[in-house]
Protein backbone atom coordinates (compact mmCIF):
# COMPACT_ATOMS: atom_id res chain seq x y z
CA MET A 1 72.48 71.35 79.11
CA SER A 2 73.78 69.58 76.09
CA ARG A 3 77.42 68.40 75.78
CA ARG A 4 79.45 68.30 72.68
CA ILE A 5 80.04 64.67 71.48
CA ASP A 6 83.49 63.67 72.43
CA PRO A 7 84.30 59.97 71.64
CA GLU A 8 87.44 60.17 73.73
CA HIS A 9 85.63 61.45 76.71
CA ASP A 10 82.82 58.80 76.28
CA GLU A 11 85.52 56.00 75.99
CA TRP A 12 87.19 57.36 79.23
CA VAL A 13 83.88 57.29 81.07
CA ARG A 14 83.10 53.72 79.86
CA GLY A 15 86.45 52.59 81.08
CA VAL A 16 86.02 54.20 84.51
CA VAL A 17 82.37 52.71 84.67
CA ASP A 18 83.85 49.27 83.86
CA ARG A 19 86.48 49.53 86.51
CA TYR A 20 84.53 50.90 89.49
CA GLN A 21 80.96 49.76 88.92
CA GLY A 22 81.40 46.63 91.05
CA PRO A 23 83.38 48.17 93.93
CA LEU A 24 81.17 51.31 94.08
CA THR A 25 78.04 49.18 94.12
CA LEU A 26 79.39 47.05 96.97
CA TYR A 27 80.41 50.09 98.94
CA ALA A 28 77.11 51.81 98.46
CA ALA A 29 75.29 48.53 99.33
CA ARG A 30 77.09 48.26 102.60
CA LEU A 31 76.39 51.93 103.42
CA LEU A 32 72.72 51.66 102.62
CA ARG A 33 72.20 47.93 103.22
CA ASP A 34 69.88 47.85 100.17
CA GLN A 35 71.14 46.57 96.85
CA GLU A 36 68.51 48.58 94.71
CA ALA A 37 69.19 51.81 96.44
CA ALA A 38 72.87 51.17 96.06
CA ARG A 39 72.61 50.59 92.28
CA ASP A 40 70.65 53.91 92.09
CA VAL A 41 73.32 55.79 94.07
CA VAL A 42 75.97 54.46 91.77
CA GLN A 43 73.97 55.22 88.56
CA GLU A 44 73.74 58.88 89.96
CA THR A 45 77.40 58.89 90.67
CA PHE A 46 78.26 57.92 87.12
CA LEU A 47 75.77 60.42 85.72
CA LYS A 48 77.66 63.16 87.75
CA LEU A 49 80.93 61.53 86.19
CA CYS A 50 79.53 62.13 82.66
CA ALA A 51 78.86 65.67 83.30
CA ALA A 52 82.08 66.45 85.05
CA ASP A 53 85.26 67.86 83.55
CA ARG A 54 87.68 64.93 82.85
CA ALA A 55 90.74 67.01 83.50
CA VAL A 56 89.59 67.70 87.16
CA ILE A 57 88.84 64.09 87.91
CA GLU A 58 91.66 62.16 85.95
CA GLY A 59 94.47 60.98 88.31
CA HIS A 60 92.10 60.56 91.25
CA ALA A 61 88.97 59.14 89.82
CA ALA A 62 88.47 56.49 92.43
CA GLU A 63 88.59 58.93 95.27
CA TRP A 64 86.37 61.25 93.39
CA LEU A 65 83.76 58.48 92.60
CA PHE A 66 83.77 57.00 96.17
CA THR A 67 83.36 60.48 97.69
CA VAL A 68 80.46 61.34 95.31
CA CYS A 69 79.00 57.85 96.01
CA ARG A 70 79.31 58.21 99.74
CA ASN A 71 77.81 61.69 99.86
CA ARG A 72 74.85 60.52 97.75
CA ALA A 73 74.36 57.34 99.92
CA LEU A 74 74.45 59.50 103.08
CA ASP A 75 71.73 61.66 101.52
CA VAL A 76 69.61 58.71 100.91
CA LEU A 77 70.13 57.38 104.42
CA ARG A 78 69.19 60.71 105.89
CA LYS A 79 66.06 60.82 103.88
CA GLU A 80 64.87 57.32 104.34
CA GLN A 81 66.41 56.40 107.75
CA ARG A 82 66.27 52.74 106.95
CA MET A 83 68.85 49.95 107.09
CA SER A 84 68.69 46.24 106.46
CA PRO A 85 71.15 43.38 107.31
CA LEU A 86 73.84 42.30 105.13
CA ARG A 87 72.73 39.49 102.73
CA GLU A 88 74.53 36.21 102.27
CA ASP A 89 75.33 36.89 98.63
CA HIS A 90 77.26 40.02 99.50
CA VAL A 91 79.28 38.05 102.02
CA ARG A 92 80.29 35.36 99.51
CA ARG A 93 81.58 37.94 97.01
CA CYS A 94 84.14 39.07 99.68
CA PHE A 95 86.07 35.87 99.30
CA SER A 96 88.54 34.70 96.84
CA SER A 97 88.15 31.36 95.11
CA ASP A 98 91.95 30.83 95.15
CA PRO A 99 92.41 28.96 98.43
CA ALA A 100 92.59 25.14 98.52
CA PRO A 101 89.32 23.48 98.93
CA LEU A 102 90.08 22.39 102.38
CA ASP A 103 90.69 25.97 103.47
CA ILE A 104 87.69 27.55 101.99
CA VAL A 105 85.19 26.36 104.71
CA GLU A 106 87.47 27.61 107.50
CA ARG A 107 88.20 30.84 105.77
CA GLN A 108 84.58 31.50 105.05
CA GLU A 109 83.61 30.86 108.69
CA LEU A 110 86.28 33.26 109.82
CA GLY A 111 85.12 35.78 107.26
CA HIS A 112 81.50 35.45 108.34
CA ARG A 113 82.62 35.94 111.95
CA VAL A 114 84.68 39.12 111.11
CA LEU A 115 81.81 40.50 109.17
CA GLU A 116 79.45 39.77 112.00
CA LEU A 117 81.84 41.35 114.41
CA LEU A 118 82.35 44.23 112.11
CA GLU A 119 78.75 45.17 112.46
CA THR A 120 79.09 45.55 116.22
CA LEU A 121 81.68 48.40 115.60
CA PRO A 122 80.58 52.05 115.44
CA PRO A 123 79.73 53.23 111.93
CA ASN A 124 82.64 55.36 111.44
CA GLN A 125 85.02 52.52 112.41
CA ARG A 126 83.19 50.14 109.98
CA GLU A 127 83.30 52.53 107.17
CA VAL A 128 87.16 53.23 107.38
CA LEU A 129 87.96 49.60 107.74
CA ARG A 130 85.93 48.79 104.70
CA LEU A 131 87.58 51.51 102.64
CA LYS A 132 91.02 50.39 103.77
CA PHE A 133 90.79 46.65 103.56
CA GLN A 134 88.03 45.95 101.04
CA ASN A 135 88.74 48.88 98.62
CA GLY A 136 92.51 49.43 99.26
CA PHE A 137 92.38 53.15 99.87
CA SER A 138 95.25 54.93 101.61
CA TYR A 139 94.61 56.78 104.86
CA GLN A 140 94.82 60.13 102.94
CA GLU A 141 92.37 58.89 100.38
CA ILE A 142 89.98 57.59 103.23
CA SER A 143 90.25 61.00 104.95
CA ARG A 144 89.15 62.70 101.75
CA ILE A 145 86.30 60.44 101.19
CA SER A 146 85.07 60.22 104.80
CA GLY A 147 85.82 63.76 105.99
CA HIS A 148 87.79 62.48 109.02
CA SER A 149 91.26 63.90 109.49
CA ILE A 150 94.10 61.51 108.60
CA SER A 151 95.13 60.96 112.17
CA ASN A 152 91.53 60.28 113.04
CA VAL A 153 91.31 57.67 110.13
CA GLY A 154 94.49 55.99 111.69
CA TYR A 155 92.91 55.96 115.09
CA LEU A 156 89.67 54.55 113.85
CA ILE A 157 91.36 51.80 111.95
CA HIS A 158 93.59 50.84 114.94
CA ALA A 159 90.73 50.94 117.41
CA GLY A 160 88.51 48.92 115.14
CA ILE A 161 91.17 46.29 114.40
CA LYS A 162 92.01 46.11 118.13
CA THR A 163 88.42 45.48 119.04
CA LEU A 164 87.90 42.75 116.25
CA ARG A 165 91.18 41.14 117.41
CA GLY A 166 89.92 41.05 121.06
CA TYR A 167 86.73 39.45 120.09
CA LEU A 168 88.29 36.91 117.74
CA PHE A 169 91.45 35.85 119.47
CA GLU A 170 91.41 37.11 123.05
CA GLY A 171 88.04 35.86 124.14
CA GLN A 172 86.48 39.37 124.79
CA THR A 173 82.72 39.34 124.65
CA GLN A 174 81.16 41.54 122.03
CA PRO A 175 78.74 44.25 122.97
CA ALA A 176 75.13 44.30 121.84
CA ARG A 177 74.82 45.19 118.08
CA ALA A 178 75.94 48.62 117.37
CA ARG A 179 73.04 51.12 116.87
CA VAL A 180 73.09 52.86 113.50
């Protein structure tokens, strides 16, 4: 199937790729727990973007991209049934370099602890928490990306935060690592 050359469409696609390549790769890597597989999934997502009608996607490109990426990642997981732990270089990218030097170590330790505890949550809670707090999506956008109802997204976020807060500040003991 050949597409007519449209410089305006190509420029739009380049802009979308520049804006979302990093966040999509991080999202896919967290779902797949495999950086190379994540890059492949993101590349396939952008190939679908190239073939898609701009008018259908424009205005909600982030939601469309994350949905396509998620669906492809879930296909890969179903096919390969494999997961690997989050690597240290992924964890470091989650932190801003803006804090004062004395606060960096404490913040990193807390961040590492939160990410470790996040892994003990059920997969659906982990996913919605990441979409909300690492990618900034609204409940409605998370609902469309994940397929959960908006009220269920709210419940999952509330339950996940409550559990993490209990582990961090109220001395609750964490369960054995969640099965995935």
